PDB file of N, CA and C in Angstrom:
ATOM      1  N   MET A   1     -29.136  22.671  11.669  1.00  0.00           N
ATOM      2  CA  MET A   1     -28.076  21.872  11.074  1.00  0.00           C
ATOM      3  C   MET A   1     -26.785  22.066  11.855  1.00  0.00           C
ATOM      4  N   GLY A   2     -26.091  20.974  12.061  1.00  0.00           N
ATOM      5  CA  GLY A   2     -24.799  21.040  12.729  1.00  0.00           C
ATOM      6  C   GLY A   2     -23.679  21.237  11.729  1.00  0.00           C
ATOM      7  N   LYS A   3     -22.511  21.481  12.256  1.00  0.00           N
ATOM      8  CA  LYS A   3     -21.326  21.583  11.408  1.00  0.00           C
ATOM      9  C   LYS A   3     -20.621  20.240  11.438  1.00  0.00           C
ATOM     10  N   PHE A   4     -20.147  19.810  10.303  1.00  0.00           N
ATOM     11  CA  PHE A   4     -19.473  18.523  10.213  1.00  0.00           C
ATOM     12  C   PHE A   4     -18.101  18.709   9.594  1.00  0.00           C
ATOM     13  N   LYS A   5     -17.152  17.926  10.068  1.00  0.00           N
ATOM     14  CA  LYS A   5     -15.833  17.949   9.467  1.00  0.00           C
ATOM     15  C   LYS A   5     -15.365  16.508   9.312  1.00  0.00           C
ATOM     16  N   SER A   6     -14.473  16.315   8.377  1.00  0.00           N
ATOM     17  CA  SER A   6     -13.973  14.979   8.088  1.00  0.00           C
ATOM     18  C   SER A   6     -12.455  15.018   8.004  1.00  0.00           C
ATOM     19  N   ASP A   7     -11.838  13.960   8.472  1.00  0.00           N
ATOM     20  CA  ASP A   7     -10.394  13.824   8.376  1.00  0.00           C
ATOM     21  C   ASP A   7     -10.004  13.133   7.064  1.00  0.00           C
ATOM     22  N   THR A   8     -10.987  12.708   6.312  1.00  0.00           N
ATOM     23  CA  THR A   8     -10.741  12.045   5.039  1.00  0.00           C
ATOM     24  C   THR A   8     -10.244  13.064   4.020  1.00  0.00           C
ATOM     25  N   LYS A   9      -9.237  12.680   3.264  1.00  0.00           N
ATOM     26  CA  LYS A   9      -8.666  13.564   2.253  1.00  0.00           C
ATOM     27  C   LYS A   9      -9.201  13.163   0.886  1.00  0.00           C
ATOM     28  N   LEU A  10     -10.078  13.998   0.336  1.00  0.00           N
ATOM     29  CA  LEU A  10     -10.626  13.710  -0.985  1.00  0.00           C
ATOM     30  C   LEU A  10      -9.498  13.717  -2.017  1.00  0.00           C
ATOM     31  N   GLY A  11      -9.591  12.795  -2.971  1.00  0.00           N
ATOM     32  CA  GLY A  11      -8.559  12.680  -3.993  1.00  0.00           C
ATOM     33  C   GLY A  11      -7.456  11.697  -3.618  1.00  0.00           C
ATOM     34  N   GLU A  12      -7.453  11.236  -2.359  1.00  0.00           N
ATOM     35  CA  GLU A  12      -6.449  10.280  -1.889  1.00  0.00           C
ATOM     36  C   GLU A  12      -7.018   8.860  -1.969  1.00  0.00           C
ATOM     37  N   ARG A  13      -6.129   7.873  -1.989  1.00  0.00           N
ATOM     38  CA  ARG A  13      -6.529   6.473  -2.086  1.00  0.00           C
ATOM     39  C   ARG A  13      -6.751   5.868  -0.700  1.00  0.00           C
ATOM     40  N   TYR A  14      -7.837   5.074  -0.589  1.00  0.00           N
ATOM     41  CA  TYR A  14      -8.184   4.367   0.638  1.00  0.00           C
ATOM     42  C   TYR A  14      -8.506   2.917   0.304  1.00  0.00           C
ATOM     43  N   ARG A  15      -8.384   2.054   1.335  1.00  0.00           N
ATOM     44  CA  ARG A  15      -8.680   0.632   1.174  1.00  0.00           C
ATOM     45  C   ARG A  15      -9.560   0.176   2.321  1.00  0.00           C
ATOM     46  N   ASP A  16     -10.500  -0.707   2.005  1.00  0.00           N
ATOM     47  CA  ASP A  16     -11.326  -1.354   3.018  1.00  0.00           C
ATOM     48  C   ASP A  16     -10.697  -2.712   3.305  1.00  0.00           C
ATOM     49  N   PRO A  17     -10.089  -2.902   4.486  1.00  0.00           N
ATOM     50  CA  PRO A  17      -9.394  -4.157   4.765  1.00  0.00           C
ATOM     51  C   PRO A  17     -10.323  -5.372   4.826  1.00  0.00           C
ATOM     52  N   LEU A  18     -11.608  -5.164   5.056  1.00  0.00           N
ATOM     53  CA  LEU A  18     -12.539  -6.296   5.129  1.00  0.00           C
ATOM     54  C   LEU A  18     -12.812  -6.914   3.760  1.00  0.00           C
ATOM     55  N   THR A  19     -12.864  -6.074   2.730  1.00  0.00           N
ATOM     56  CA  THR A  19     -13.193  -6.563   1.390  1.00  0.00           C
ATOM     57  C   THR A  19     -12.016  -6.485   0.418  1.00  0.00           C
ATOM     58  N   GLY A  20     -10.972  -5.729   0.799  1.00  0.00           N
ATOM     59  CA  GLY A  20      -9.846  -5.518  -0.106  1.00  0.00           C
ATOM     60  C   GLY A  20     -10.127  -4.455  -1.151  1.00  0.00           C
ATOM     61  N   PHE A  21     -11.284  -3.844  -1.054  1.00  0.00           N
ATOM     62  CA  PHE A  21     -11.720  -2.819  -1.995  1.00  0.00           C
ATOM     63  C   PHE A  21     -10.839  -1.593  -1.857  1.00  0.00           C
ATOM     64  N   GLU A  22     -10.379  -1.032  -2.974  1.00  0.00           N
ATOM     65  CA  GLU A  22      -9.495   0.135  -2.949  1.00  0.00           C
ATOM     66  C   GLU A  22      -9.941   1.134  -4.006  1.00  0.00           C
ATOM     67  N   GLY A  23      -9.867   2.431  -3.670  1.00  0.00           N
ATOM     68  CA  GLY A  23     -10.231   3.453  -4.636  1.00  0.00           C
ATOM     69  C   GLY A  23      -9.881   4.840  -4.148  1.00  0.00           C
ATOM     70  N   VAL A  24     -10.238   5.818  -4.948  1.00  0.00           N
ATOM     71  CA  VAL A  24      -9.979   7.224  -4.646  1.00  0.00           C
ATOM     72  C   VAL A  24     -11.213   7.808  -3.957  1.00  0.00           C
ATOM     73  N   ALA A  25     -10.988   8.491  -2.824  1.00  0.00           N
ATOM     74  CA  ALA A  25     -12.096   9.127  -2.104  1.00  0.00           C
ATOM     75  C   ALA A  25     -12.603  10.314  -2.908  1.00  0.00           C
ATOM     76  N   THR A  26     -13.881  10.267  -3.276  1.00  0.00           N
ATOM     77  CA  THR A  26     -14.466  11.346  -4.068  1.00  0.00           C
ATOM     78  C   THR A  26     -15.646  12.017  -3.387  1.00  0.00           C
ATOM     79  N   GLY A  27     -16.082  11.473  -2.244  1.00  0.00           N
ATOM     80  CA  GLY A  27     -17.216  12.083  -1.563  1.00  0.00           C
ATOM     81  C   GLY A  27     -17.292  11.683  -0.103  1.00  0.00           C
ATOM     82  N   VAL A  28     -17.844  12.603   0.699  1.00  0.00           N
ATOM     83  CA  VAL A  28     -18.083  12.351   2.117  1.00  0.00           C
ATOM     84  C   VAL A  28     -19.548  12.663   2.372  1.00  0.00           C
ATOM     85  N   THR A  29     -20.245  11.743   3.028  1.00  0.00           N
ATOM     86  CA  THR A  29     -21.663  11.929   3.331  1.00  0.00           C
ATOM     87  C   THR A  29     -21.870  11.802   4.830  1.00  0.00           C
ATOM     88  N   PHE A  30     -22.621  12.733   5.413  1.00  0.00           N
ATOM     89  CA  PHE A  30     -22.960  12.687   6.835  1.00  0.00           C
ATOM     90  C   PHE A  30     -24.456  12.414   6.943  1.00  0.00           C
ATOM     91  N   TYR A  31     -24.822  11.383   7.701  1.00  0.00           N
ATOM     92  CA  TYR A  31     -26.220  11.053   7.914  1.00  0.00           C
ATOM     93  C   TYR A  31     -26.658  11.543   9.289  1.00  0.00           C
ATOM     94  N   LEU A  32     -27.920  11.837   9.436  1.00  0.00           N
ATOM     95  CA  LEU A  32     -28.447  12.411  10.662  1.00  0.00           C
ATOM     96  C   LEU A  32     -28.158  11.548  11.887  1.00  0.00           C
ATOM     97  N   HIS A  33     -28.446  10.254  11.817  1.00  0.00           N
ATOM     98  CA  HIS A  33     -28.254   9.382  12.979  1.00  0.00           C
ATOM     99  C   HIS A  33     -27.353   8.207  12.661  1.00  0.00           C
ATOM    100  N   ALA A  34     -26.445   8.394  11.763  1.00  0.00           N
ATOM    101  CA  ALA A  34     -25.560   7.289  11.387  1.00  0.00           C
ATOM    102  C   ALA A  34     -24.150   7.823  11.206  1.00  0.00           C
ATOM    103  N   CYS A  35     -23.291   6.986  10.736  1.00  0.00           N
ATOM    104  CA  CYS A  35     -21.886   7.372  10.644  1.00  0.00           C
ATOM    105  C   CYS A  35     -21.570   8.146   9.360  1.00  0.00           C
ATOM    106  N   GLU A  36     -20.354   8.651   9.352  1.00  0.00           N
ATOM    107  CA  GLU A  36     -19.805   9.321   8.177  1.00  0.00           C
ATOM    108  C   GLU A  36     -19.467   8.240   7.147  1.00  0.00           C
ATOM    109  N   ARG A  37     -19.877   8.456   5.908  1.00  0.00           N
ATOM    110  CA  ARG A  37     -19.613   7.486   4.844  1.00  0.00           C
ATOM    111  C   ARG A  37     -18.727   8.127   3.788  1.00  0.00           C
ATOM    112  N   ILE A  38     -17.779   7.334   3.276  1.00  0.00           N
ATOM    113  CA  ILE A  38     -16.839   7.801   2.267  1.00  0.00           C
ATOM    114  C   ILE A  38     -17.109   7.046   0.970  1.00  0.00           C
ATOM    115  N   THR A  39     -17.217   7.770  -0.127  1.00  0.00           N
ATOM    116  CA  THR A  39     -17.398   7.149  -1.436  1.00  0.00           C
ATOM    117  C   THR A  39     -16.040   6.995  -2.102  1.00  0.00           C
ATOM    118  N   LEU A  40     -15.742   5.759  -2.507  1.00  0.00           N
ATOM    119  CA  LEU A  40     -14.508   5.460  -3.229  1.00  0.00           C
ATOM    120  C   LEU A  40     -14.845   5.143  -4.670  1.00  0.00           C
ATOM    121  N   GLU A  41     -14.097   5.737  -5.603  1.00  0.00           N
ATOM    122  CA  GLU A  41     -14.250   5.443  -7.032  1.00  0.00           C
ATOM    123  C   GLU A  41     -13.076   4.601  -7.494  1.00  0.00           C
ATOM    124  N   PHE A  42     -13.356   3.722  -8.459  1.00  0.00           N
ATOM    125  CA  PHE A  42     -12.344   2.829  -9.002  1.00  0.00           C
ATOM    126  C   PHE A  42     -12.722   2.478 -10.432  1.00  0.00           C
ATOM    127  N   VAL A  43     -11.803   1.913 -11.181  1.00  0.00           N
ATOM    128  CA  VAL A  43     -12.072   1.502 -12.560  1.00  0.00           C
ATOM    129  C   VAL A  43     -12.185  -0.022 -12.590  1.00  0.00           C
ATOM    130  N   LYS A  44     -13.291  -0.501 -13.166  1.00  0.00           N
ATOM    131  CA  LYS A  44     -13.521  -1.939 -13.294  1.00  0.00           C
ATOM    132  C   LYS A  44     -14.001  -2.212 -14.718  1.00  0.00           C
ATOM    133  N   ASP A  45     -13.280  -3.059 -15.407  1.00  0.00           N
ATOM    134  CA  ASP A  45     -13.627  -3.390 -16.789  1.00  0.00           C
ATOM    135  C   ASP A  45     -13.751  -2.137 -17.658  1.00  0.00           C
ATOM    136  N   GLY A  46     -12.876  -1.157 -17.404  1.00  0.00           N
ATOM    137  CA  GLY A  46     -12.863   0.054 -18.213  1.00  0.00           C
ATOM    138  C   GLY A  46     -13.943   1.067 -17.864  1.00  0.00           C
ATOM    139  N   LYS A  47     -14.733   0.795 -16.825  1.00  0.00           N
ATOM    140  CA  LYS A  47     -15.805   1.706 -16.419  1.00  0.00           C
ATOM    141  C   LYS A  47     -15.537   2.226 -15.017  1.00  0.00           C
ATOM    142  N   ILE A  48     -15.895   3.481 -14.770  1.00  0.00           N
ATOM    143  CA  ILE A  48     -15.769   4.043 -13.425  1.00  0.00           C
ATOM    144  C   ILE A  48     -16.941   3.555 -12.583  1.00  0.00           C
ATOM    145  N   GLU A  49     -16.611   2.967 -11.446  1.00  0.00           N
ATOM    146  CA  GLU A  49     -17.614   2.473 -10.507  1.00  0.00           C
ATOM    147  C   GLU A  49     -17.355   3.125  -9.158  1.00  0.00           C
ATOM    148  N   TYR A  50     -18.286   2.991  -8.216  1.00  0.00           N
ATOM    149  CA  TYR A  50     -18.078   3.555  -6.886  1.00  0.00           C
ATOM    150  C   TYR A  50     -18.841   2.749  -5.849  1.00  0.00           C
ATOM    151  N   GLU A  51     -18.336   2.805  -4.621  1.00  0.00           N
ATOM    152  CA  GLU A  51     -18.954   2.176  -3.459  1.00  0.00           C
ATOM    153  C   GLU A  51     -18.733   3.096  -2.271  1.00  0.00           C
ATOM    154  N   SER A  52     -19.639   3.032  -1.295  1.00  0.00           N
ATOM    155  CA  SER A  52     -19.500   3.839  -0.087  1.00  0.00           C
ATOM    156  C   SER A  52     -19.247   2.947   1.120  1.00  0.00           C
ATOM    157  N   PHE A  53     -18.422   3.451   2.055  1.00  0.00           N
ATOM    158  CA  PHE A  53     -18.019   2.696   3.239  1.00  0.00           C
ATOM    159  C   PHE A  53     -18.078   3.595   4.465  1.00  0.00           C
ATOM    160  N   ASP A  54     -18.262   2.997   5.634  1.00  0.00           N
ATOM    161  CA  ASP A  54     -18.157   3.743   6.885  1.00  0.00           C
ATOM    162  C   ASP A  54     -16.718   4.230   7.013  1.00  0.00           C
ATOM    163  N   ALA A  55     -16.532   5.491   7.355  1.00  0.00           N
ATOM    164  CA  ALA A  55     -15.194   6.088   7.426  1.00  0.00           C
ATOM    165  C   ALA A  55     -14.231   5.337   8.359  1.00  0.00           C
ATOM    166  N   PRO A  56     -14.665   4.907   9.559  1.00  0.00           N
ATOM    167  CA  PRO A  56     -13.707   4.255  10.457  1.00  0.00           C
ATOM    168  C   PRO A  56     -13.158   2.942   9.918  1.00  0.00           C
ATOM    169  N   ARG A  57     -13.803   2.394   8.937  1.00  0.00           N
ATOM    170  CA  ARG A  57     -13.424   1.099   8.379  1.00  0.00           C
ATOM    171  C   ARG A  57     -12.309   1.216   7.335  1.00  0.00           C
ATOM    172  N   LEU A  58     -12.077   2.406   6.802  1.00  0.00           N
ATOM    173  CA  LEU A  58     -11.109   2.583   5.723  1.00  0.00           C
ATOM    174  C   LEU A  58      -9.703   2.879   6.222  1.00  0.00           C
ATOM    175  N   VAL A  59      -8.718   2.526   5.410  1.00  0.00           N
ATOM    176  CA  VAL A  59      -7.316   2.796   5.715  1.00  0.00           C
ATOM    177  C   VAL A  59      -6.742   3.639   4.580  1.00  0.00           C
ATOM    178  N   HIS A  60      -6.105   4.744   4.952  1.00  0.00           N
ATOM    179  CA  HIS A  60      -5.459   5.627   3.982  1.00  0.00           C
ATOM    180  C   HIS A  60      -4.247   4.891   3.427  1.00  0.00           C
ATOM    181  N   ILE A  61      -4.134   4.740   2.121  1.00  0.00           N
ATOM    182  CA  ILE A  61      -3.078   3.943   1.494  1.00  0.00           C
ATOM    183  C   ILE A  61      -1.692   4.488   1.812  1.00  0.00           C
ATOM    184  N   ARG A  62      -1.476   5.767   1.658  1.00  0.00           N
ATOM    185  CA  ARG A  62      -0.140   6.339   1.833  1.00  0.00           C
ATOM    186  C   ARG A  62       0.337   6.292   3.287  1.00  0.00           C
ATOM    187  N   SER A  63      -0.528   6.638   4.249  1.00  0.00           N
ATOM    188  CA  SER A  63      -0.101   6.726   5.642  1.00  0.00           C
ATOM    189  C   SER A  63      -0.380   5.460   6.453  1.00  0.00           C
ATOM    190  N   GLY A  64      -1.347   4.655   5.997  1.00  0.00           N
ATOM    191  CA  GLY A  64      -1.732   3.464   6.753  1.00  0.00           C
ATOM    192  C   GLY A  64      -2.655   3.758   7.918  1.00  0.00           C
ATOM    193  N   LEU A  65      -3.121   5.021   8.048  1.00  0.00           N
ATOM    194  CA  LEU A  65      -4.004   5.409   9.144  1.00  0.00           C
ATOM    195  C   LEU A  65      -5.455   5.375   8.716  1.00  0.00           C
ATOM    196  N   GLN A  66      -6.335   5.229   9.709  1.00  0.00           N
ATOM    197  CA  GLN A  66      -7.767   5.309   9.465  1.00  0.00           C
ATOM    198  C   GLN A  66      -8.214   6.747   9.664  1.00  0.00           C
ATOM    199  N   PRO A  67      -9.241   7.198   8.904  1.00  0.00           N
ATOM    200  CA  PRO A  67      -9.758   8.547   9.128  1.00  0.00           C
ATOM    201  C   PRO A  67     -10.306   8.670  10.545  1.00  0.00           C
ATOM    202  N   VAL A  68     -10.071   9.793  11.185  1.00  0.00           N
ATOM    203  CA  VAL A  68     -10.641  10.064  12.498  1.00  0.00           C
ATOM    204  C   VAL A  68     -11.970  10.741  12.264  1.00  0.00           C
ATOM    205  N   THR A  69     -13.031  10.210  12.866  1.00  0.00           N
ATOM    206  CA  THR A  69     -14.356  10.760  12.643  1.00  0.00           C
ATOM    207  C   THR A  69     -15.049  11.026  13.967  1.00  0.00           C
ATOM    208  N   GLU A  70     -15.844  12.061  14.006  1.00  0.00           N
ATOM    209  CA  GLU A  70     -16.628  12.376  15.199  1.00  0.00           C
ATOM    210  C   GLU A  70     -17.896  11.532  15.248  1.00  0.00           C
ATOM    211  N   ARG A  71     -18.314  10.995  14.108  1.00  0.00           N
ATOM    212  CA  ARG A  71     -19.598  10.310  14.016  1.00  0.00           C
ATOM    213  C   ARG A  71     -19.379   8.851  13.621  1.00  0.00           C
ATOM    214  N   THR A  72     -19.482   7.971  14.602  1.00  0.00           N
ATOM    215  CA  THR A  72     -19.302   6.555  14.307  1.00  0.00           C
ATOM    216  C   THR A  72     -20.610   5.863  13.997  1.00  0.00           C
ATOM    217  N   GLY A  73     -21.723   6.411  14.466  1.00  0.00           N
ATOM    218  CA  GLY A  73     -23.018   5.793  14.212  1.00  0.00           C
ATOM    219  C   GLY A  73     -23.302   4.602  15.099  1.00  0.00           C
ATOM    220  N   GLY A  74     -22.346   4.161  15.853  1.00  0.00           N
ATOM    221  CA  GLY A  74     -22.550   3.000  16.708  1.00  0.00           C
ATOM    222  C   GLY A  74     -22.591   3.383  18.166  1.00  0.00           C
ATOM    223  N   PRO A  75     -23.015   2.446  19.012  1.00  0.00           N
ATOM    224  CA  PRO A  75     -23.068   2.745  20.446  1.00  0.00           C
ATOM    225  C   PRO A  75     -21.666   2.892  21.029  1.00  0.00           C
ATOM    226  N   GLY A  76     -21.512   3.775  21.948  1.00  0.00           N
ATOM    227  CA  GLY A  76     -20.237   3.926  22.637  1.00  0.00           C
ATOM    228  C   GLY A  76     -19.309   4.948  22.036  1.00  0.00           C
ATOM    229  N   GLY A  77     -19.543   5.347  20.812  1.00  0.00           N
ATOM    230  CA  GLY A  77     -18.694   6.350  20.179  1.00  0.00           C
ATOM    231  C   GLY A  77     -17.290   5.860  19.911  1.00  0.00           C
ATOM    232  N   ARG A  78     -16.372   6.805  19.757  1.00  0.00           N
ATOM    233  CA  ARG A  78     -15.001   6.527  19.374  1.00  0.00           C
ATOM    234  C   ARG A  78     -14.285   5.628  20.384  1.00  0.00           C
ATOM    235  N   GLU A  79     -14.560   5.785  21.690  1.00  0.00           N
ATOM    236  CA  GLU A  79     -13.889   5.007  22.713  1.00  0.00           C
ATOM    237  C   GLU A  79     -14.207   3.514  22.606  1.00  0.00           C
ATOM    238  N   ALA A  80     -15.313   3.160  22.004  1.00  0.00           N
ATOM    239  CA  ALA A  80     -15.709   1.758  21.876  1.00  0.00           C
ATOM    240  C   ALA A  80     -14.982   1.064  20.728  1.00  0.00           C
ATOM    241  N   GLN A  81     -14.120   1.783  20.039  1.00  0.00           N
ATOM    242  CA  GLN A  81     -13.390   1.207  18.901  1.00  0.00           C
ATOM    243  C   GLN A  81     -11.911   1.161  19.238  1.00  0.00           C
ATOM    244  N   PRO A  82     -11.466   0.122  19.958  1.00  0.00           N
ATOM    245  CA  PRO A  82     -10.091   0.083  20.458  1.00  0.00           C
ATOM    246  C   PRO A  82      -9.010   0.021  19.387  1.00  0.00           C
ATOM    247  N   ASN A  83      -9.337  -0.397  18.181  1.00  0.00           N
ATOM    248  CA  ASN A  83      -8.313  -0.518  17.139  1.00  0.00           C
ATOM    249  C   ASN A  83      -8.139   0.764  16.324  1.00  0.00           C
ATOM    250  N   ARG A  84      -8.803   1.841  16.718  1.00  0.00           N
ATOM    251  CA  ARG A  84      -8.710   3.116  15.996  1.00  0.00           C
ATOM    252  C   ARG A  84      -7.365   3.772  16.241  1.00  0.00           C
ATOM    253  N   VAL A  85      -6.822   4.394  15.218  1.00  0.00           N
ATOM    254  CA  VAL A  85      -5.556   5.113  15.334  1.00  0.00           C
ATOM    255  C   VAL A  85      -5.846   6.606  15.255  1.00  0.00           C
ATOM    256  N   ALA A  86      -5.593   7.326  16.328  1.00  0.00           N
ATOM    257  CA  ALA A  86      -5.804   8.778  16.327  1.00  0.00           C
ATOM    258  C   ALA A  86      -4.547   9.471  15.827  1.00  0.00           C
ATOM    259  N   ARG A  87      -4.731  10.561  15.116  1.00  0.00           N
ATOM    260  CA  ARG A  87      -3.586  11.328  14.617  1.00  0.00           C
ATOM    261  C   ARG A  87      -3.289  12.483  15.510  1.00  0.00           C
TER     262      ARG A  87
END
């Protein structure tokens, strides 16, 4: 097993600009041959719901930055994503 780290801050709010989906980060999942996924929780119709997203796709609400991840799951790695903001 490898060691994994995430730049995502659990308990903070994130938004997916593609869907407009927004919620609180409550979980980080690392897959063997895929990217880091972040679970966002939100309230809909009085019920707690959740969805998971690829980490590079999310934007931190307070700072406006995307999480920096070592695992993109796609070809080319981090350099192939020109719109990424490194901290």
